[in-house]
């Protein structure tokens, strides 16, 4: 399995800011550098010889959730978290489904129905950023919305 490293995540952050605007403070735009080290280590971690996150959807969710929730960078965390998870999937021959599936969390549906896939993805990202979704819920969303 191919993983993203610290330099990859910094590059994604820099490129998203260059493409979509924002502030990149050299050399790496870190707000919380310990969180990026934690992410890179944890997504590949093993305990007693077993991977902590065994499934591809768990790892993709870990990239997105951790970058966004832990505010790793000064700016661009939502875009970087999303792009990191998408790149990780692509490196491992997965992608998001063309038609995203609606998932129900805590008796509410996130994202809302009747929206385009881009709107659903945007809303899902905002829900993570606002603290309304847990890592487990993020993993469930990825489980239902990726394909080989």
Protein backbone atom coordinates (compact mmCIF):
# COMPACT_ATOMS: atom_id res chain seq x y z
CA UNK A 1 0.00 0.00 0.00
CA UNK A 2 1.25 3.50 -0.83
CA UNK A 3 1.07 6.16 1.90
CA UNK A 4 1.46 9.91 2.02
CA UNK A 5 4.45 11.32 3.85
CA UNK A 6 4.86 14.62 5.65
CA UNK A 7 6.41 16.32 2.60
CA UNK A 8 3.50 15.10 0.44
CA UNK A 9 0.98 16.71 2.79
CA UNK A 10 2.92 19.99 2.85
CA UNK A 11 3.06 19.98 -0.97
CA UNK A 12 -0.70 19.34 -1.19
CA UNK A 13 -1.32 22.24 1.19
CA UNK A 14 0.95 24.58 -0.78
CA UNK A 15 -0.62 23.59 -4.12
CA UNK A 16 -4.20 24.03 -2.89
CA UNK A 17 -3.38 27.48 -1.56
CA UNK A 18 -1.67 28.43 -4.83
CA UNK A 19 -4.69 27.17 -6.81
CA UNK A 20 -7.55 28.41 -4.65
CA UNK A 21 -6.11 31.23 -2.59
CA UNK A 22 -5.09 31.61 1.00
CA UNK A 23 -1.94 32.15 2.99
CA UNK A 24 1.09 29.86 2.93
CA UNK A 25 3.72 30.74 5.51
CA UNK A 26 7.09 29.21 4.56
CA UNK A 27 8.69 26.85 5.03
CA UNK A 28 5.78 24.45 5.67
CA UNK A 29 2.75 26.50 6.81
CA UNK A 30 2.42 24.47 10.02
CA UNK A 31 0.06 25.46 12.79
CA UNK A 32 0.25 22.10 14.56
CA UNK A 33 3.26 20.15 13.31
CA UNK A 34 2.90 17.41 15.93
CA UNK A 35 -0.45 16.46 14.40
CA UNK A 36 1.08 15.84 10.97
CA UNK A 37 3.74 13.60 12.52
CA UNK A 38 0.98 11.75 14.40
CA UNK A 39 -1.04 11.32 11.21
CA UNK A 40 1.85 9.99 9.11
CA UNK A 41 2.78 7.49 11.83
CA UNK A 42 -0.73 6.45 12.84
CA UNK A 43 -2.16 5.75 9.39
CA UNK A 44 0.61 3.13 8.92
CA UNK A 45 0.76 1.90 12.55
CA UNK A 46 0.63 -1.64 13.75
CA UNK A 47 -0.14 -2.98 17.19
CA UNK A 48 0.90 -6.52 18.04
CA UNK A 49 1.68 -7.06 14.35
CA UNK A 50 -1.81 -5.97 13.20
CA UNK A 51 -2.58 -2.76 11.36
CA UNK A 52 -4.61 -0.36 13.48
CA UNK A 53 -6.43 0.90 10.38
CA UNK A 54 -6.73 -2.15 8.14
CA UNK A 55 -9.10 -0.95 5.45
CA UNK A 56 -8.41 1.59 2.71
CA UNK A 57 -11.51 3.61 3.67
CA UNK A 58 -10.31 3.85 7.29
CA UNK A 59 -6.96 5.23 6.16
CA UNK A 60 -8.49 7.70 3.67
CA UNK A 61 -10.78 8.96 6.41
CA UNK A 62 -7.84 9.28 8.77
CA UNK A 63 -6.03 11.59 6.35
CA UNK A 64 -9.05 13.82 5.81
CA UNK A 65 -10.32 13.87 9.38
CA UNK A 66 -6.94 14.48 11.03
CA UNK A 67 -5.81 17.28 8.72
CA UNK A 68 -9.14 19.07 9.07
CA UNK A 69 -9.89 18.44 12.75
CA UNK A 70 -6.38 19.01 14.08
CA UNK A 71 -5.77 22.21 12.08
CA UNK A 72 -2.35 21.05 10.97
CA UNK A 73 -1.78 24.04 8.70
CA UNK A 74 -2.17 27.81 9.06
CA UNK A 75 -4.63 27.82 6.15
CA UNK A 76 -6.20 25.38 3.70
CA UNK A 77 -6.91 22.48 6.07
CA UNK A 78 -10.26 21.47 4.54
CA UNK A 79 -8.91 21.50 0.99
CA UNK A 80 -5.70 19.75 2.05
CA UNK A 81 -7.54 17.06 4.02
CA UNK A 82 -9.85 16.33 1.12
CA UNK A 83 -7.05 16.33 -1.48
CA UNK A 84 -4.85 14.13 0.74
CA UNK A 85 -7.57 11.51 1.06
CA UNK A 86 -8.31 11.60 -2.68
CA UNK A 87 -4.61 11.29 -3.58
CA UNK A 88 -4.18 8.41 -1.13
CA UNK A 89 -7.12 6.62 -2.75
CA UNK A 90 -5.74 7.26 -6.24
CA UNK A 91 -2.28 5.97 -5.31
CA UNK A 92 -3.94 2.75 -4.21
CA UNK A 93 -6.24 2.38 -7.26
CA UNK A 94 -9.42 3.66 -5.59
CA UNK A 95 -11.56 6.71 -6.18
CA UNK A 96 -14.78 8.28 -5.00
CA UNK A 97 -17.93 6.97 -6.64
CA UNK A 98 -19.33 9.17 -9.36
CA UNK A 99 -22.64 9.28 -7.52
CA UNK A 100 -21.98 9.77 -3.82
CA UNK A 101 -24.14 7.83 -1.37
CA UNK A 102 -26.00 9.57 1.40
CA UNK A 103 -25.17 8.25 4.88
CA UNK A 104 -27.31 8.68 7.98
CA UNK A 105 -25.55 9.77 11.18
CA UNK A 106 -27.34 10.19 14.50
CA UNK A 107 -30.79 10.32 12.88
CA UNK A 108 -29.77 13.07 10.45
CA UNK A 109 -28.64 12.64 6.90
CA UNK A 110 -25.28 14.11 5.98
CA UNK A 111 -24.90 15.33 3.33
CA UNK A 112 -28.37 16.48 2.28
CA UNK A 113 -30.25 14.75 -0.51
CA UNK A 114 -31.02 16.35 -3.85
CA UNK A 115 -27.57 17.84 -4.24
CA UNK A 116 -24.85 17.22 -6.81
CA UNK A 117 -21.87 15.05 -5.86
CA UNK A 118 -19.70 18.19 -5.57
CA UNK A 119 -22.19 19.76 -3.17
CA UNK A 120 -22.42 16.54 -1.18
CA UNK A 121 -18.63 16.37 -0.89
CA UNK A 122 -18.45 20.04 0.10
CA UNK A 123 -21.12 19.56 2.78
CA UNK A 124 -19.39 16.43 4.10
CA UNK A 125 -16.11 18.35 4.39
CA UNK A 126 -17.82 21.23 6.22
CA UNK A 127 -19.48 18.79 8.63
CA UNK A 128 -16.05 17.42 9.56
CA UNK A 129 -14.63 20.93 9.99
CA UNK A 130 -17.52 21.99 12.20
CA UNK A 131 -16.93 19.03 14.52
CA UNK A 132 -20.29 17.44 13.75
CA UNK A 133 -18.78 14.17 12.50
CA UNK A 134 -16.46 11.79 14.31
CA UNK A 135 -13.64 9.78 12.77
CA UNK A 136 -15.87 6.70 12.85
CA UNK A 137 -18.60 8.54 10.92
CA UNK A 138 -16.02 9.81 8.44
CA UNK A 139 -14.80 6.23 7.94
CA UNK A 140 -18.37 5.03 7.35
CA UNK A 141 -18.84 7.75 4.73
CA UNK A 142 -15.69 6.70 2.88
CA UNK A 143 -16.63 3.02 3.14
CA UNK A 144 -19.85 3.75 1.28
CA UNK A 145 -18.42 6.21 -1.23
CA UNK A 146 -15.26 4.66 -2.67
CA UNK A 147 -14.74 2.17 -5.45
CA UNK A 148 -11.78 0.28 -6.89
